[in-house]
Amino acid sequence: MTIVYLDYVVPGSILIPIAVLIPKVRNTPAYIKLIFYYLVMSAVVNTICIIMARNNEPNLWMIHIQTILESFLLLWFFKYIITSSLVLKVIKTLIIGFPLFCLVNLLFIQGIHSYPSYTRTLETIIFIAMCIIYWWQESEDNIRWSDVPANWFVTGLFLYFSAAFFIFLFSNYLAGYVSFTVMDIAWYTHATLILLMYVLIAIGFIKCKRQ
């Protein structure tokens, strides 16, 4: 059951939001396209990781690559939906700086065969902050909350990154010093949060109107 849920049910659920948006993706705003590209990238990386794991090949280096691509796409997403000039300057710096840090971590710090807990943890902090800034900005608007696609996207990202923060922070400790039962609970939680994020993004795509 563990393998089915973690390797098939959750990764497969990413096809739900992708399928929702495909018919209208060409005519959607850029910030929605970026979320779509993020999902497609995640689907490709997840598929490769599962295939490599089934063939007993090391795949942690793919998580390093995923972190670089994920951070780049999501930072561009927030660049479109955040209006603060100061925050936008920070985002422009992070779009270049954070992927470079991920590359340095891959090559010289944690290495290709270790889970990138340093960069993943920092990534969660960055995107939790971005989500909070977005909500503070949106609190000043009078538009109905549920009618704004970005609200659904940001809610999904916030729930995922805020809860995954502790999993990423202690991932290498969990892998080396705790029982398989505790590991299962941690990664079941992680997978369930990803599933929830996909559902919320799918709702946001449904709310999206062609432009």
Protein backbone atom coordinates (compact mmCIF):
# COMPACT_ATOMS: atom_id res chain seq x y z
CA MET A 1 0.00 0.00 0.00
CA THR A 2 2.88 2.37 0.81
CA ILE A 3 4.43 1.93 -2.63
CA VAL A 4 1.09 2.32 -4.40
CA TYR A 5 0.24 5.55 -2.56
CA LEU A 6 3.68 7.18 -2.68
CA ASP A 7 4.76 6.06 -6.14
CA TYR A 8 1.50 5.97 -8.08
CA VAL A 9 -1.50 7.63 -6.42
CA VAL A 10 0.16 10.90 -5.40
CA PRO A 11 2.46 11.33 -8.43
CA GLY A 12 -0.42 10.35 -10.71
CA SER A 13 -2.74 12.92 -9.16
CA ILE A 14 -0.66 15.67 -10.74
CA LEU A 15 -2.39 14.80 -14.01
CA ILE A 16 -5.67 16.17 -12.61
CA PRO A 17 -4.72 19.88 -12.63
CA ILE A 18 -2.70 19.41 -15.83
CA ALA A 19 -5.74 17.91 -17.58
CA VAL A 20 -7.98 20.72 -16.30
CA LEU A 21 -5.83 23.47 -17.83
CA ILE A 22 -4.63 21.87 -21.08
CA PRO A 23 -7.72 22.87 -23.13
CA LYS A 24 -7.25 26.56 -22.30
CA VAL A 25 -3.58 26.90 -21.43
CA ARG A 26 -2.67 28.97 -24.52
CA ASN A 27 -5.06 31.76 -23.60
CA THR A 28 -4.29 32.00 -19.89
CA PRO A 29 -2.20 34.71 -18.18
CA ALA A 30 1.54 34.17 -17.76
CA TYR A 31 1.33 33.52 -14.01
CA ILE A 32 -1.06 30.62 -14.60
CA LYS A 33 1.16 29.20 -17.35
CA LEU A 34 4.06 29.20 -14.88
CA ILE A 35 2.09 27.06 -12.43
CA PHE A 36 1.22 24.75 -15.32
CA TYR A 37 4.90 24.49 -16.34
CA TYR A 38 5.79 23.80 -12.71
CA LEU A 39 3.35 20.89 -12.67
CA VAL A 40 4.62 19.48 -15.97
CA MET A 41 8.22 19.71 -14.75
CA SER A 42 7.27 17.97 -11.49
CA ALA A 43 5.46 15.22 -13.38
CA VAL A 44 8.50 14.56 -15.57
CA VAL A 45 10.94 14.55 -12.63
CA ASN A 46 8.68 12.31 -10.53
CA THR A 47 8.38 9.82 -13.39
CA ILE A 48 12.15 9.70 -13.90
CA CYS A 49 12.76 9.27 -10.15
CA ILE A 50 10.28 6.38 -9.92
CA ILE A 51 11.79 4.62 -12.94
CA MET A 52 15.31 5.03 -11.56
CA ALA A 53 14.25 3.75 -8.13
CA ARG A 54 12.62 0.69 -9.69
CA ASN A 55 15.92 -0.04 -11.45
CA ASN A 56 17.92 0.46 -8.22
CA GLU A 57 19.64 3.53 -9.62
CA PRO A 58 20.49 6.54 -7.39
CA ASN A 59 18.07 9.37 -8.01
CA LEU A 60 18.77 11.95 -5.31
CA TRP A 61 20.58 14.10 -7.86
CA MET A 62 17.21 14.52 -9.58
CA ILE A 63 15.84 16.16 -6.41
CA HIS A 64 18.65 18.70 -6.62
CA ILE A 65 17.69 19.45 -10.22
CA GLN A 66 14.00 19.61 -9.31
CA THR A 67 14.73 22.16 -6.57
CA ILE A 68 16.54 24.40 -9.05
CA LEU A 69 13.74 24.25 -11.64
CA GLU A 70 10.96 24.45 -9.05
CA SER A 71 12.38 27.53 -7.35
CA PHE A 72 12.99 29.27 -10.68
CA LEU A 73 9.42 28.72 -11.95
CA LEU A 74 7.71 29.58 -8.66
CA LEU A 75 9.77 32.72 -8.15
CA TRP A 76 8.71 33.86 -11.61
CA PHE A 77 5.12 33.07 -10.63
CA PHE A 78 5.34 35.29 -7.55
CA LYS A 79 7.04 37.99 -9.64
CA TYR A 80 3.78 38.28 -11.59
CA ILE A 81 1.38 38.35 -8.65
CA ILE A 82 3.25 40.44 -6.04
CA THR A 83 3.10 44.20 -6.49
CA SER A 84 5.58 45.52 -3.88
CA SER A 85 8.57 47.08 -5.67
CA LEU A 86 10.90 46.13 -2.81
CA VAL A 87 9.79 42.49 -2.82
CA LEU A 88 10.07 42.36 -6.60
CA LYS A 89 13.72 43.44 -6.33
CA VAL A 90 14.30 40.60 -3.86
CA ILE A 91 12.57 38.13 -6.18
CA LYS A 92 14.71 39.22 -9.15
CA THR A 93 17.81 38.59 -7.05
CA LEU A 94 16.55 35.19 -5.86
CA ILE A 95 15.66 34.08 -9.39
CA ILE A 96 19.38 34.07 -10.14
CA GLY A 97 20.91 33.67 -6.68
CA PHE A 98 18.94 30.75 -5.30
CA PRO A 99 19.42 28.38 -8.27
CA LEU A 100 23.14 29.20 -8.13
CA PHE A 101 23.20 28.30 -4.43
CA CYS A 102 21.42 25.04 -5.28
CA LEU A 103 24.12 24.29 -7.84
CA VAL A 104 26.90 25.03 -5.35
CA ASN A 105 25.19 22.78 -2.81
CA LEU A 106 24.93 20.02 -5.41
CA LEU A 107 28.59 20.22 -6.41
CA PHE A 108 30.46 21.23 -3.25
CA ILE A 109 28.39 21.09 -0.03
CA GLN A 110 25.93 18.23 0.39
CA GLY A 111 26.86 16.51 -2.82
CA ILE A 112 25.04 14.66 -5.54
CA HIS A 113 24.18 11.58 -3.46
CA SER A 114 22.64 13.36 -0.44
CA TYR A 115 19.12 14.70 -0.08
CA PRO A 116 19.33 18.50 -0.57
CA SER A 117 17.98 19.36 2.88
CA TYR A 118 19.81 22.71 3.03
CA THR A 119 18.37 24.08 -0.19
CA ARG A 120 14.94 22.48 0.28
CA THR A 121 14.64 23.98 3.76
CA LEU A 122 15.68 27.43 2.56
CA GLU A 123 13.26 27.08 -0.35
CA THR A 124 10.36 26.44 2.03
CA ILE A 125 11.23 29.57 4.03
CA ILE A 126 11.37 31.67 0.86
CA PHE A 127 8.00 30.52 -0.43
CA ILE A 128 6.26 30.68 2.95
CA ALA A 129 7.35 34.32 3.06
CA MET A 130 6.14 34.91 -0.50
CA CYS A 131 2.74 33.43 0.31
CA ILE A 132 2.36 35.62 3.40
CA ILE A 133 3.36 38.73 1.45
CA TYR A 134 0.83 37.89 -1.25
CA TRP A 135 -1.97 37.43 1.29
CA TRP A 136 -1.13 40.71 3.00
CA GLN A 137 -1.30 42.39 -0.39
CA GLU A 138 -4.61 40.73 -1.33
CA SER A 139 -6.24 41.64 1.99
CA GLU A 140 -6.57 45.16 0.65
CA ASP A 141 -8.70 44.08 -2.33
CA ASN A 142 -12.48 43.74 -2.36
CA ILE A 143 -12.64 40.95 -4.95
CA ARG A 144 -14.34 37.73 -3.90
CA TRP A 145 -11.59 35.42 -2.60
CA SER A 146 -12.73 32.25 -4.35
CA ASP A 147 -12.90 33.94 -7.76
CA VAL A 148 -9.15 34.62 -7.89
CA PRO A 149 -7.15 31.63 -9.25
CA ALA A 150 -3.91 32.82 -7.60
CA ASN A 151 -5.54 32.54 -4.16
CA TRP A 152 -6.00 28.81 -4.68
CA PHE A 153 -2.46 28.37 -5.98
CA VAL A 154 -0.90 30.29 -3.10
CA THR A 155 -3.00 28.44 -0.51
CA GLY A 156 -1.83 25.10 -1.89
CA LEU A 157 1.80 26.21 -1.96
CA PHE A 158 1.60 27.62 1.57
CA LEU A 159 0.09 24.47 3.08
CA TYR A 160 2.66 22.31 1.33
CA PHE A 161 5.79 24.35 2.06
CA SER A 162 4.88 25.27 5.64
CA ALA A 163 4.23 21.67 6.67
CA ALA A 164 7.09 20.25 4.57
CA PHE A 165 9.55 22.65 6.24
CA PHE A 166 10.18 20.30 9.18
CA ILE A 167 10.38 17.24 6.93
CA PHE A 168 13.03 18.89 4.76
CA LEU A 169 14.89 20.29 7.76
CA PHE A 170 15.24 16.89 9.44
CA SER A 171 15.21 14.68 6.33
CA ASN A 172 18.81 13.44 6.62
CA TYR A 173 18.34 12.80 10.36
CA LEU A 174 15.15 10.86 9.68
CA ALA A 175 16.89 8.78 7.05
CA GLY A 176 19.73 7.76 9.36
CA TYR A 177 18.41 7.61 12.91
CA VAL A 178 14.71 6.80 13.10
CA SER A 179 12.62 3.69 12.52
CA PHE A 180 10.96 2.82 9.22
CA THR A 181 7.60 3.51 10.86
CA VAL A 182 8.53 7.11 11.62
CA MET A 183 9.95 7.50 8.13
CA ASP A 184 6.69 6.19 6.64
CA ILE A 185 4.65 8.67 8.68
CA ALA A 186 6.87 11.56 7.60
CA TRP A 187 6.75 10.73 3.91
CA TYR A 188 3.06 9.83 3.97
CA THR A 189 2.44 13.30 5.39
CA HIS A 190 4.65 14.86 2.76
CA ALA A 191 2.87 12.99 -0.04
CA THR A 192 -0.58 13.87 1.29
CA LEU A 193 0.30 17.56 1.38
CA ILE A 194 1.45 17.34 -2.23
CA LEU A 195 -1.87 15.71 -3.14
CA LEU A 196 -3.77 18.49 -1.39
CA MET A 197 -1.72 21.10 -3.24
CA TYR A 198 -2.59 19.49 -6.57
CA VAL A 199 -6.31 19.55 -5.69
CA LEU A 200 -6.19 23.25 -4.76
CA ILE A 201 -4.28 24.10 -7.93
CA ALA A 202 -6.86 22.20 -9.98
CA ILE A 203 -9.62 24.31 -8.38
CA GLY A 204 -7.65 27.44 -9.27
CA PHE A 205 -7.40 26.26 -12.87
CA ILE A 206 -11.17 25.67 -12.94
CA LYS A 207 -11.66 29.27 -11.77
CA CYS A 208 -9.40 30.52 -14.54
CA LYS A 209 -11.13 32.22 -17.47
CA ARG A 210 -9.65 32.54 -20.92
CA GLN A 211 -8.07 35.89 -21.63
